[in-house]
Amino acid sequence: VTHPDVTRYFMTVEEAVELVIQAGAIGRDGEAMVLD
């Protein structure tokens, strides 16, 4: 492990892709859609 205090965000690939496809339906032109 690189460091005792290092943190990262995690999500299952199924959850992430489900939101990616949803973002494609609601995304506004030129913006970045950021997943929670």
Full PDB file with SEQRES, HELIX, SHEET, SSBOND, CRYST1, ORIGX, SCALE, CONECT and MASTER records, all heavy atoms in Angstrom:
SEQRES   1 A   36  VAL THR HIS PRO ASP VAL THR ARG TYR PHE MET THR VAL          
SEQRES   2 A   36  GLU GLU ALA VAL GLU LEU VAL ILE GLN ALA GLY ALA ILE          
SEQRES   3 A   36  GLY ARG ASP GLY GLU ALA MET VAL LEU ASP                      
HELIX    1 AA1 VAL A   13  ILE A   26  1                                  14    
CRYST1    1.000    1.000    1.000  90.00  90.00  90.00 P 1           1          
ORIGX1      1.000000  0.000000  0.000000        0.00000                         
ORIGX2      0.000000  1.000000  0.000000        0.00000                         
ORIGX3      0.000000  0.000000  1.000000        0.00000                         
SCALE1      1.000000  0.000000  0.000000        0.00000                         
SCALE2      0.000000  1.000000  0.000000        0.00000                         
SCALE3      0.000000  0.000000  1.000000        0.00000                         
ATOM      1  N   VAL A   1       0.870  -1.175   0.000  1.00  0.00           N  
ATOM      2  CA  VAL A   1       0.000   0.000   0.000  1.00  0.00           C  
ATOM      3  C   VAL A   1       0.905   1.221   0.000  1.00  0.00           C  
ATOM      4  O   VAL A   1       1.934   1.244   0.685  1.00  0.00           O  
ATOM      5  CB  VAL A   1      -0.919   0.010   1.239  1.00  0.00           C  
ATOM      6  CG1 VAL A   1      -1.818   1.247   1.237  1.00  0.00           C  
ATOM      7  CG2 VAL A   1      -1.760  -1.258   1.295  1.00  0.00           C  
ATOM      8  N   THR A   2       0.532   2.235  -0.765  1.00  0.00           N  
ATOM      9  CA  THR A   2       1.419   3.387  -0.896  1.00  0.00           C  
ATOM     10  C   THR A   2       1.555   4.172   0.405  1.00  0.00           C  
ATOM     11  O   THR A   2       2.648   4.606   0.784  1.00  0.00           O  
ATOM     12  CB  THR A   2       0.922   4.331  -2.001  1.00  0.00           C  
ATOM     13  OG1 THR A   2      -0.432   4.716  -1.718  1.00  0.00           O  
ATOM     14  CG2 THR A   2       0.984   3.647  -3.356  1.00  0.00           C  
ATOM     15  N   HIS A   3       0.413   4.358   1.121  1.00  0.00           N  
ATOM     16  CA  HIS A   3       0.455   5.203   2.326  1.00  0.00           C  
ATOM     17  C   HIS A   3      -0.700   4.791   3.247  1.00  0.00           C  
ATOM     18  O   HIS A   3      -1.791   4.450   2.763  1.00  0.00           O  
ATOM     19  CB  HIS A   3       0.320   6.679   1.942  1.00  0.00           C  
ATOM     20  CG  HIS A   3       0.631   7.625   3.055  1.00  0.00           C  
ATOM     21  ND1 HIS A   3      -0.276   7.914   4.049  1.00  0.00           N  
ATOM     22  CD2 HIS A   3       1.758   8.356   3.336  1.00  0.00           C  
ATOM     23  CE1 HIS A   3       0.261   8.787   4.899  1.00  0.00           C  
ATOM     24  NE2 HIS A   3       1.483   9.066   4.489  1.00  0.00           N  
ATOM     25  N   PRO A   4      -0.510   4.826   4.563  1.00  0.00           N  
ATOM     26  CA  PRO A   4      -1.583   4.406   5.483  1.00  0.00           C  
ATOM     27  C   PRO A   4      -2.849   5.239   5.366  1.00  0.00           C  
ATOM     28  O   PRO A   4      -3.937   4.751   5.678  1.00  0.00           O  
ATOM     29  CB  PRO A   4      -0.944   4.584   6.868  1.00  0.00           C  
ATOM     30  CG  PRO A   4       0.519   4.566   6.642  1.00  0.00           C  
ATOM     31  CD  PRO A   4       0.745   5.155   5.283  1.00  0.00           C  
ATOM     32  N   ASP A   5      -2.737   6.488   4.936  1.00  0.00           N  
ATOM     33  CA  ASP A   5      -3.900   7.380   4.928  1.00  0.00           C  
ATOM     34  C   ASP A   5      -4.461   7.644   3.536  1.00  0.00           C  
ATOM     35  O   ASP A   5      -5.396   8.440   3.395  1.00  0.00           O  
ATOM     36  CB  ASP A   5      -3.536   8.718   5.577  1.00  0.00           C  
ATOM     37  CG  ASP A   5      -3.149   8.559   7.035  1.00  0.00           C  
ATOM     38  OD1 ASP A   5      -3.771   7.726   7.717  1.00  0.00           O  
ATOM     39  OD2 ASP A   5      -2.220   9.261   7.491  1.00  0.00           O  
ATOM     40  N   VAL A   6      -3.912   7.037   2.504  1.00  0.00           N  
ATOM     41  CA  VAL A   6      -4.375   7.316   1.153  1.00  0.00           C  
ATOM     42  C   VAL A   6      -5.809   6.811   0.972  1.00  0.00           C  
ATOM     43  O   VAL A   6      -6.180   5.748   1.493  1.00  0.00           O  
ATOM     44  CB  VAL A   6      -3.436   6.672   0.108  1.00  0.00           C  
ATOM     45  CG1 VAL A   6      -3.561   5.154   0.104  1.00  0.00           C  
ATOM     46  CG2 VAL A   6      -3.709   7.217  -1.292  1.00  0.00           C  
ATOM     47  N   THR A   7      -6.636   7.612   0.307  1.00  0.00           N  
ATOM     48  CA  THR A   7      -8.042   7.241   0.084  1.00  0.00           C  
ATOM     49  C   THR A   7      -8.357   7.302  -1.407  1.00  0.00           C  
ATOM     50  O   THR A   7      -7.720   8.027  -2.166  1.00  0.00           O  
ATOM     51  CB  THR A   7      -9.003   8.187   0.824  1.00  0.00           C  
ATOM     52  OG1 THR A   7      -8.846   9.520   0.313  1.00  0.00           O  
ATOM     53  CG2 THR A   7      -8.749   8.161   2.318  1.00  0.00           C  
ATOM     54  N   ARG A   8      -9.353   6.536  -1.783  1.00  0.00           N  
ATOM     55  CA  ARG A   8      -9.822   6.539  -3.168  1.00  0.00           C  
ATOM     56  C   ARG A   8     -11.340   6.332  -3.190  1.00  0.00           C  
ATOM     57  O   ARG A   8     -11.923   5.764  -2.281  1.00  0.00           O  
ATOM     58  CB  ARG A   8      -9.150   5.418  -3.979  1.00  0.00           C  
ATOM     59  CG  ARG A   8      -7.660   5.612  -4.229  1.00  0.00           C  
ATOM     60  CD  ARG A   8      -7.380   6.791  -5.148  1.00  0.00           C  
ATOM     61  NE  ARG A   8      -5.958   6.963  -5.407  1.00  0.00           N  
ATOM     62  CZ  ARG A   8      -5.160   7.770  -4.713  1.00  0.00           C  
ATOM     63  NH1 ARG A   8      -5.658   8.453  -3.682  1.00  0.00           N  
ATOM     64  NH2 ARG A   8      -3.887   7.892  -5.024  1.00  0.00           N  
ATOM     65  N   TYR A   9     -11.942   6.818  -4.286  1.00  0.00           N  
ATOM     66  CA  TYR A   9     -13.358   6.543  -4.529  1.00  0.00           C  
ATOM     67  C   TYR A   9     -13.480   5.209  -5.252  1.00  0.00           C  
ATOM     68  O   TYR A   9     -12.650   4.869  -6.101  1.00  0.00           O  
ATOM     69  CB  TYR A   9     -13.976   7.631  -5.414  1.00  0.00           C  
ATOM     70  CG  TYR A   9     -14.140   8.966  -4.729  1.00  0.00           C  
ATOM     71  CD1 TYR A   9     -13.229   9.994  -4.940  1.00  0.00           C  
ATOM     72  CD2 TYR A   9     -15.221   9.197  -3.886  1.00  0.00           C  
ATOM     73  CE1 TYR A   9     -13.391  11.226  -4.315  1.00  0.00           C  
ATOM     74  CE2 TYR A   9     -15.389  10.427  -3.258  1.00  0.00           C  
ATOM     75  CZ  TYR A   9     -14.473  11.436  -3.483  1.00  0.00           C  
ATOM     76  OH  TYR A   9     -14.633  12.642  -2.875  1.00  0.00           O  
ATOM     77  N   PHE A  10     -14.539   4.456  -4.916  1.00  0.00           N  
ATOM     78  CA  PHE A  10     -14.768   3.181  -5.571  1.00  0.00           C  
ATOM     79  C   PHE A  10     -16.243   3.023  -5.930  1.00  0.00           C  
ATOM     80  O   PHE A  10     -17.131   3.511  -5.233  1.00  0.00           O  
ATOM     81  CB  PHE A  10     -14.355   2.012  -4.669  1.00  0.00           C  
ATOM     82  CG  PHE A  10     -12.869   1.819  -4.570  1.00  0.00           C  
ATOM     83  CD1 PHE A  10     -12.173   2.313  -3.475  1.00  0.00           C  
ATOM     84  CD2 PHE A  10     -12.179   1.150  -5.557  1.00  0.00           C  
ATOM     85  CE1 PHE A  10     -10.804   2.135  -3.372  1.00  0.00           C  
ATOM     86  CE2 PHE A  10     -10.807   0.978  -5.468  1.00  0.00           C  
ATOM     87  CZ  PHE A  10     -10.119   1.463  -4.371  1.00  0.00           C  
ATOM     88  N   MET A  11     -16.466   2.301  -7.018  1.00  0.00           N  
ATOM     89  CA  MET A  11     -17.806   1.947  -7.448  1.00  0.00           C  
ATOM     90  C   MET A  11     -17.680   0.680  -8.288  1.00  0.00           C  
ATOM     91  O   MET A  11     -16.676   0.474  -8.959  1.00  0.00           O  
ATOM     92  CB  MET A  11     -18.418   3.093  -8.276  1.00  0.00           C  
ATOM     93  CG  MET A  11     -19.836   2.835  -8.776  1.00  0.00           C  
ATOM     94  SD  MET A  11     -20.490   4.248  -9.730  1.00  0.00           S  
ATOM     95  CE  MET A  11     -20.931   5.365  -8.403  1.00  0.00           C  
ATOM     96  N   THR A  12     -18.673  -0.188  -8.229  1.00  0.00           N  
ATOM     97  CA  THR A  12     -18.605  -1.369  -9.080  1.00  0.00           C  
ATOM     98  C   THR A  12     -18.739  -0.945 -10.539  1.00  0.00           C  
ATOM     99  O   THR A  12     -19.346   0.082 -10.861  1.00  0.00           O  
ATOM    100  CB  THR A  12     -19.713  -2.379  -8.757  1.00  0.00           C  
ATOM    101  OG1 THR A  12     -20.980  -1.822  -9.106  1.00  0.00           O  
ATOM    102  CG2 THR A  12     -19.698  -2.755  -7.278  1.00  0.00           C  
ATOM    103  N   VAL A  13     -18.168  -1.745 -11.415  1.00  0.00           N  
ATOM    104  CA  VAL A  13     -18.214  -1.408 -12.834  1.00  0.00           C  
ATOM    105  C   VAL A  13     -19.650  -1.379 -13.342  1.00  0.00           C  
ATOM    106  O   VAL A  13     -20.007  -0.552 -14.200  1.00  0.00           O  
ATOM    107  CB  VAL A  13     -17.336  -2.394 -13.652  1.00  0.00           C  
ATOM    108  CG1 VAL A  13     -17.898  -3.808 -13.590  1.00  0.00           C  
ATOM    109  CG2 VAL A  13     -17.206  -1.945 -15.096  1.00  0.00           C  
ATOM    110  N   GLU A  14     -20.506  -2.259 -12.799  1.00  0.00           N  
ATOM    111  CA  GLU A  14     -21.909  -2.271 -13.226  1.00  0.00           C  
ATOM    112  C   GLU A  14     -22.608  -0.973 -12.829  1.00  0.00           C  
ATOM    113  O   GLU A  14     -23.367  -0.390 -13.619  1.00  0.00           O  
ATOM    114  CB  GLU A  14     -22.646  -3.467 -12.611  1.00  0.00           C  
ATOM    115  CG  GLU A  14     -22.172  -4.822 -13.084  1.00  0.00           C  
ATOM    116  CD  GLU A  14     -20.949  -5.307 -12.329  1.00  0.00           C  
ATOM    117  OE1 GLU A  14     -20.524  -4.627 -11.357  1.00  0.00           O  
ATOM    118  OE2 GLU A  14     -20.404  -6.363 -12.703  1.00  0.00           O  
ATOM    119  N   GLU A  15     -22.363  -0.512 -11.604  1.00  0.00           N  
ATOM    120  CA  GLU A  15     -22.977   0.730 -11.141  1.00  0.00           C  
ATOM    121  C   GLU A  15     -22.470   1.919 -11.949  1.00  0.00           C  
ATOM    122  O   GLU A  15     -23.260   2.795 -12.351  1.00  0.00           O  
ATOM    123  CB  GLU A  15     -22.665   0.930  -9.661  1.00  0.00           C  
ATOM    124  CG  GLU A  15     -23.305  -0.088  -8.734  1.00  0.00           C  
ATOM    125  CD  GLU A  15     -22.704  -0.105  -7.348  1.00  0.00           C  
ATOM    126  OE1 GLU A  15     -21.622   0.478  -7.146  1.00  0.00           O  
ATOM    127  OE2 GLU A  15     -23.310  -0.700  -6.449  1.00  0.00           O  
ATOM    128  N   ALA A  16     -21.160   1.968 -12.186  1.00  0.00           N  
ATOM    129  CA  ALA A  16     -20.589   3.095 -12.923  1.00  0.00           C  
ATOM    130  C   ALA A  16     -21.146   3.165 -14.338  1.00  0.00           C  
ATOM    131  O   ALA A  16     -21.537   4.241 -14.811  1.00  0.00           O  
ATOM    132  CB  ALA A  16     -19.064   2.964 -12.960  1.00  0.00           C  
ATOM    133  N   VAL A  17     -21.200   2.032 -15.019  1.00  0.00           N  
ATOM    134  CA  VAL A  17     -21.666   2.030 -16.405  1.00  0.00           C  
ATOM    135  C   VAL A  17     -23.151   2.358 -16.480  1.00  0.00           C  
ATOM    136  O   VAL A  17     -23.597   3.056 -17.397  1.00  0.00           O  
ATOM    137  CB  VAL A  17     -21.361   0.670 -17.049  1.00  0.00           C  
ATOM    138  CG1 VAL A  17     -22.108   0.511 -18.367  1.00  0.00           C  
ATOM    139  CG2 VAL A  17     -19.861   0.531 -17.286  1.00  0.00           C  
ATOM    140  N   GLU A  18     -23.912   1.899 -15.505  1.00  0.00           N  
ATOM    141  CA  GLU A  18     -25.334   2.231 -15.485  1.00  0.00           C  
ATOM    142  C   GLU A  18     -25.527   3.749 -15.428  1.00  0.00           C  
ATOM    143  O   GLU A  18     -26.384   4.316 -16.121  1.00  0.00           O  
ATOM    144  CB  GLU A  18     -25.993   1.555 -14.279  1.00  0.00           C  
ATOM    145  CG  GLU A  18     -27.504   1.513 -14.342  1.00  0.00           C  
ATOM    146  CD  GLU A  18     -28.097   0.651 -13.248  1.00  0.00           C  
ATOM    147  OE1 GLU A  18     -27.345  -0.136 -12.630  1.00  0.00           O  
ATOM    148  OE2 GLU A  18     -29.316   0.774 -13.006  1.00  0.00           O  
ATOM    149  N   LEU A  19     -24.706   4.412 -14.603  1.00  0.00           N  
ATOM    150  CA  LEU A  19     -24.792   5.868 -14.512  1.00  0.00           C  
ATOM    151  C   LEU A  19     -24.218   6.551 -15.745  1.00  0.00           C  
ATOM    152  O   LEU A  19     -24.686   7.630 -16.133  1.00  0.00           O  
ATOM    153  CB  LEU A  19     -24.077   6.354 -13.249  1.00  0.00           C  
ATOM    154  CG  LEU A  19     -24.793   6.073 -11.927  1.00  0.00           C  
ATOM    155  CD1 LEU A  19     -23.929   6.483 -10.749  1.00  0.00           C  
ATOM    156  CD2 LEU A  19     -26.139   6.791 -11.877  1.00  0.00           C  
ATOM    157  N   VAL A  20     -23.204   5.958 -16.357  1.00  0.00           N  
ATOM    158  CA  VAL A  20     -22.652   6.530 -17.597  1.00  0.00           C  
ATOM    159  C   VAL A  20     -23.721   6.569 -18.677  1.00  0.00           C  
ATOM    160  O   VAL A  20     -23.903   7.578 -19.378  1.00  0.00           O  
ATOM    161  CB  VAL A  20     -21.431   5.714 -18.072  1.00  0.00           C  
ATOM    162  CG1 VAL A  20     -21.070   6.078 -19.518  1.00  0.00           C  
ATOM    163  CG2 VAL A  20     -20.231   5.985 -17.170  1.00  0.00           C  
ATOM    164  N   ILE A  21     -24.432   5.469 -18.828  1.00  0.00           N  
ATOM    165  CA  ILE A  21     -25.488   5.421 -19.855  1.00  0.00           C  
ATOM    166  C   ILE A  21     -26.594   6.406 -19.515  1.00  0.00           C  
ATOM    167  O   ILE A  21     -27.154   7.071 -20.395  1.00  0.00           O  
ATOM    168  CB  ILE A  21     -26.029   3.986 -19.977  1.00  0.00           C  
ATOM    169  CG1 ILE A  21     -24.907   3.040 -20.426  1.00  0.00           C  
ATOM    170  CG2 ILE A  21     -27.182   3.927 -20.967  1.00  0.00           C  
ATOM    171  CD1 ILE A  21     -25.314   1.584 -20.468  1.00  0.00           C  
ATOM    172  N   GLN A  22     -26.917   6.517 -18.217  1.00  0.00           N  
ATOM    173  CA  GLN A  22     -27.922   7.501 -17.808  1.00  0.00           C  
ATOM    174  C   GLN A  22     -27.430   8.919 -18.089  1.00  0.00           C  
ATOM    175  O   GLN A  22     -28.197   9.780 -18.554  1.00  0.00           O  
ATOM    176  CB  GLN A  22     -28.222   7.354 -16.319  1.00  0.00           C  
ATOM    177  CG  GLN A  22     -29.265   8.327 -15.785  1.00  0.00           C  
ATOM    178  CD  GLN A  22     -30.657   8.025 -16.288  1.00  0.00           C  
ATOM    179  OE1 GLN A  22     -31.258   7.047 -15.921  1.00  0.00           O  
ATOM    180  NE2 GLN A  22     -31.173   8.876 -17.155  1.00  0.00           N  
ATOM    181  N   ALA A  23     -26.148   9.179 -17.836  1.00  0.00           N  
ATOM    182  CA  ALA A  23     -25.589  10.507 -18.084  1.00  0.00           C  
ATOM    183  C   ALA A  23     -25.687  10.866 -19.557  1.00  0.00           C  
ATOM    184  O   ALA A  23     -25.880  12.039 -19.918  1.00  0.00           O  
ATOM    185  CB  ALA A  23     -24.140  10.560 -17.613  1.00  0.00           C  
ATOM    186  N   GLY A  24     -25.545   9.856 -20.426  1.00  0.00           N  
ATOM    187  CA  GLY A  24     -25.689  10.123 -21.849  1.00  0.00           C  
ATOM    188  C   GLY A  24     -27.068  10.635 -22.213  1.00  0.00           C  
ATOM    189  O   GLY A  24     -27.226  11.403 -23.163  1.00  0.00           O  
ATOM    190  N   ALA A  25     -28.062  10.233 -21.421  1.00  0.00           N  
ATOM    191  CA  ALA A  25     -29.436  10.654 -21.713  1.00  0.00           C  
ATOM    192  C   ALA A  25     -29.732  12.060 -21.209  1.00  0.00           C  
ATOM    193  O   ALA A  25     -30.597  12.749 -21.757  1.00  0.00           O  
ATOM    194  CB  ALA A  25     -30.429   9.663 -21.089  1.00  0.00           C  
ATOM    195  N   ILE A  26     -29.013  12.500 -20.157  1.00  0.00           N  
ATOM    196  CA  ILE A  26     -29.359  13.783 -19.539  1.00  0.00           C  
ATOM    197  C   ILE A  26     -28.237  14.811 -19.645  1.00  0.00           C  
ATOM    198  O   ILE A  26     -28.402  15.945 -19.222  1.00  0.00           O  
ATOM    199  CB  ILE A  26     -29.714  13.586 -18.053  1.00  0.00           C  
ATOM    200  CG1 ILE A  26     -28.502  13.077 -17.264  1.00  0.00           C  
ATOM    201  CG2 ILE A  26     -30.897  12.624 -17.899  1.00  0.00           C  
ATOM    202  CD1 ILE A  26     -28.747  12.959 -15.766  1.00  0.00           C  
ATOM    203  N   GLY A  27     -27.078  14.413 -20.212  1.00  0.00           N  
ATOM    204  CA  GLY A  27     -25.941  15.322 -20.260  1.00  0.00           C  
ATOM    205  C   GLY A  27     -26.185  16.544 -21.128  1.00  0.00           C  
ATOM    206  O   GLY A  27     -26.854  16.465 -22.160  1.00  0.00           O  
ATOM    207  N   ARG A  28     -25.622  17.671 -20.698  1.00  0.00           N  
ATOM    208  CA  ARG A  28     -25.715  18.906 -21.472  1.00  0.00           C  
ATOM    209  C   ARG A  28     -24.466  19.078 -22.321  1.00  0.00           C  
ATOM    210  O   ARG A  28     -23.353  18.769 -21.885  1.00  0.00           O  
ATOM    211  CB  ARG A  28     -25.885  20.112 -20.542  1.00  0.00           C  
ATOM    212  CG  ARG A  28     -27.228  20.142 -19.835  1.00  0.00           C  
ATOM    213  CD  ARG A  28     -27.470  21.510 -19.214  1.00  0.00           C  
ATOM    214  NE  ARG A  28     -28.737  21.572 -18.515  1.00  0.00           N  
ATOM    215  CZ  ARG A  28     -29.227  22.683 -17.972  1.00  0.00           C  
ATOM    216  NH1 ARG A  28     -28.535  23.815 -18.055  1.00  0.00           N  
ATOM    217  NH2 ARG A  28     -30.381  22.666 -17.353  1.00  0.00           N  
ATOM    218  N   ASP A  29     -24.647  19.588 -23.490  1.00  0.00           N  
ATOM    219  CA  ASP A  29     -23.575  19.704 -24.483  1.00  0.00           C  
ATOM    220  C   ASP A  29     -22.375  20.459 -23.927  1.00  0.00           C  
ATOM    221  O   ASP A  29     -22.503  21.561 -23.397  1.00  0.00           O  
ATOM    222  CB  ASP A  29     -24.126  20.426 -25.712  1.00  0.00           C  
ATOM    223  CG  ASP A  29     -23.342  20.114 -26.964  1.00  0.00           C  
ATOM    224  OD1 ASP A  29     -22.590  19.126 -26.948  1.00  0.00           O  
ATOM    225  OD2 ASP A  29     -23.491  20.852 -27.950  1.00  0.00           O  
ATOM    226  N   GLY A  30     -21.188  19.823 -24.023  1.00  0.00           N  
ATOM    227  CA  GLY A  30     -19.951  20.467 -23.625  1.00  0.00           C  
ATOM    228  C   GLY A  30     -19.609  20.353 -22.161  1.00  0.00           C  
ATOM    229  O   GLY A  30     -18.528  20.781 -21.742  1.00  0.00           O  
ATOM    230  N   GLU A  31     -20.474  19.789 -21.343  1.00  0.00           N  
ATOM    231  CA  GLU A  31     -20.222  19.704 -19.914  1.00  0.00           C  
ATOM    232  C   GLU A  31     -19.629  18.349 -19.540  1.00  0.00           C  
ATOM    233  O   GLU A  31     -19.633  17.402 -20.322  1.00  0.00           O  
ATOM    234  CB  GLU A  31     -21.521  19.932 -19.142  1.00  0.00           C  
ATOM    235  CG  GLU A  31     -22.071  21.338 -19.277  1.00  0.00           C  
ATOM    236  CD  GLU A  31     -23.305  21.555 -18.437  1.00  0.00           C  
ATOM    237  OE1 GLU A  31     -24.025  20.583 -18.155  1.00  0.00           O  
ATOM    238  OE2 GLU A  31     -23.547  22.706 -18.053  1.00  0.00           O  
ATOM    239  N   ALA A  32     -19.135  18.277 -18.322  1.00  0.00           N  
ATOM    240  CA  ALA A  32     -18.707  17.014 -17.740  1.00  0.00           C  
ATOM    241  C   ALA A  32     -19.742  16.601 -16.706  1.00  0.00           C  
ATOM    242  O   ALA A  32     -20.095  17.385 -15.825  1.00  0.00           O  
ATOM    243  CB  ALA A  32     -17.332  17.140 -17.084  1.00  0.00           C  
ATOM    244  N   MET A  33     -20.219  15.381 -16.834  1.00  0.00           N  
ATOM    245  CA  MET A  33     -21.169  14.825 -15.878  1.00  0.00           C  
ATOM    246  C   MET A  33     -20.356  14.060 -14.832  1.00  0.00           C  
ATOM    247  O   MET A  33     -19.581  13.159 -15.171  1.00  0.00           O  
ATOM    248  CB  MET A  33     -22.171  13.908 -16.573  1.00  0.00           C  
ATOM    249  CG  MET A  33     -22.810  14.524 -17.812  1.00  0.00           C  
ATOM    250  SD  MET A  33     -23.729  16.044 -17.441  1.00  0.00           S  
ATOM    251  CE  MET A  33     -25.121  15.369 -16.544  1.00  0.00           C  
ATOM    252  N   VAL A  34     -20.515  14.422 -13.576  1.00  0.00           N  
ATOM    253  CA  VAL A  34     -19.702  13.860 -12.497  1.00  0.00           C  
ATOM    254  C   VAL A  34     -20.566  12.910 -11.674  1.00  0.00           C  
ATOM    255  O   VAL A  34     -21.598  13.314 -11.128  1.00  0.00           O  
ATOM    256  CB  VAL A  34     -19.126  14.968 -11.603  1.00  0.00           C  
ATOM    257  CG1 VAL A  34     -18.216  14.369 -10.532  1.00  0.00           C  
ATOM    258  CG2 VAL A  34     -18.360  15.987 -12.439  1.00  0.00           C  
ATOM    259  N   LEU A  35     -20.134  11.652 -11.566  1.00  0.00           N  
ATOM    260  CA  LEU A  35     -20.903  10.649 -10.850  1.00  0.00           C  
ATOM    261  C   LEU A  35     -20.642  10.748  -9.346  1.00  0.00           C  
ATOM    262  O   LEU A  35     -19.511  10.953  -8.916  1.00  0.00           O  
ATOM    263  CB  LEU A  35     -20.540   9.238 -11.320  1.00  0.00           C  
ATOM    264  CG  LEU A  35     -20.640   8.967 -12.825  1.00  0.00           C  
ATOM    265  CD1 LEU A  35     -20.449   7.472 -13.094  1.00  0.00           C  
ATOM    266  CD2 LEU A  35     -21.957   9.450 -13.400  1.00  0.00           C  
ATOM    267  N   ASP A  36     -21.690  10.611  -8.561  1.00  0.00           N  
ATOM    268  CA  ASP A  36     -21.564  10.578  -7.105  1.00  0.00           C  
ATOM    269  C   ASP A  36     -20.998   9.212  -6.705  1.00  0.00           C  
ATOM    270  O   ASP A  36     -21.658   8.188  -6.842  1.00  0.00           O  
ATOM    271  CB  ASP A  36     -22.941  10.783  -6.471  1.00  0.00           C  
ATOM    272  CG  ASP A  36     -22.890  10.797  -4.947  1.00  0.00           C  
ATOM    273  OD1 ASP A  36     -21.819  10.492  -4.389  1.00  0.00           O  
ATOM    274  OD2 ASP A  36     -23.919  11.104  -4.340  1.00  0.00           O  
TER     275      ASP A  36                                                      
MASTER        0    0    0    1    0    0    0    6  274    1    0    3          
END                                                                             
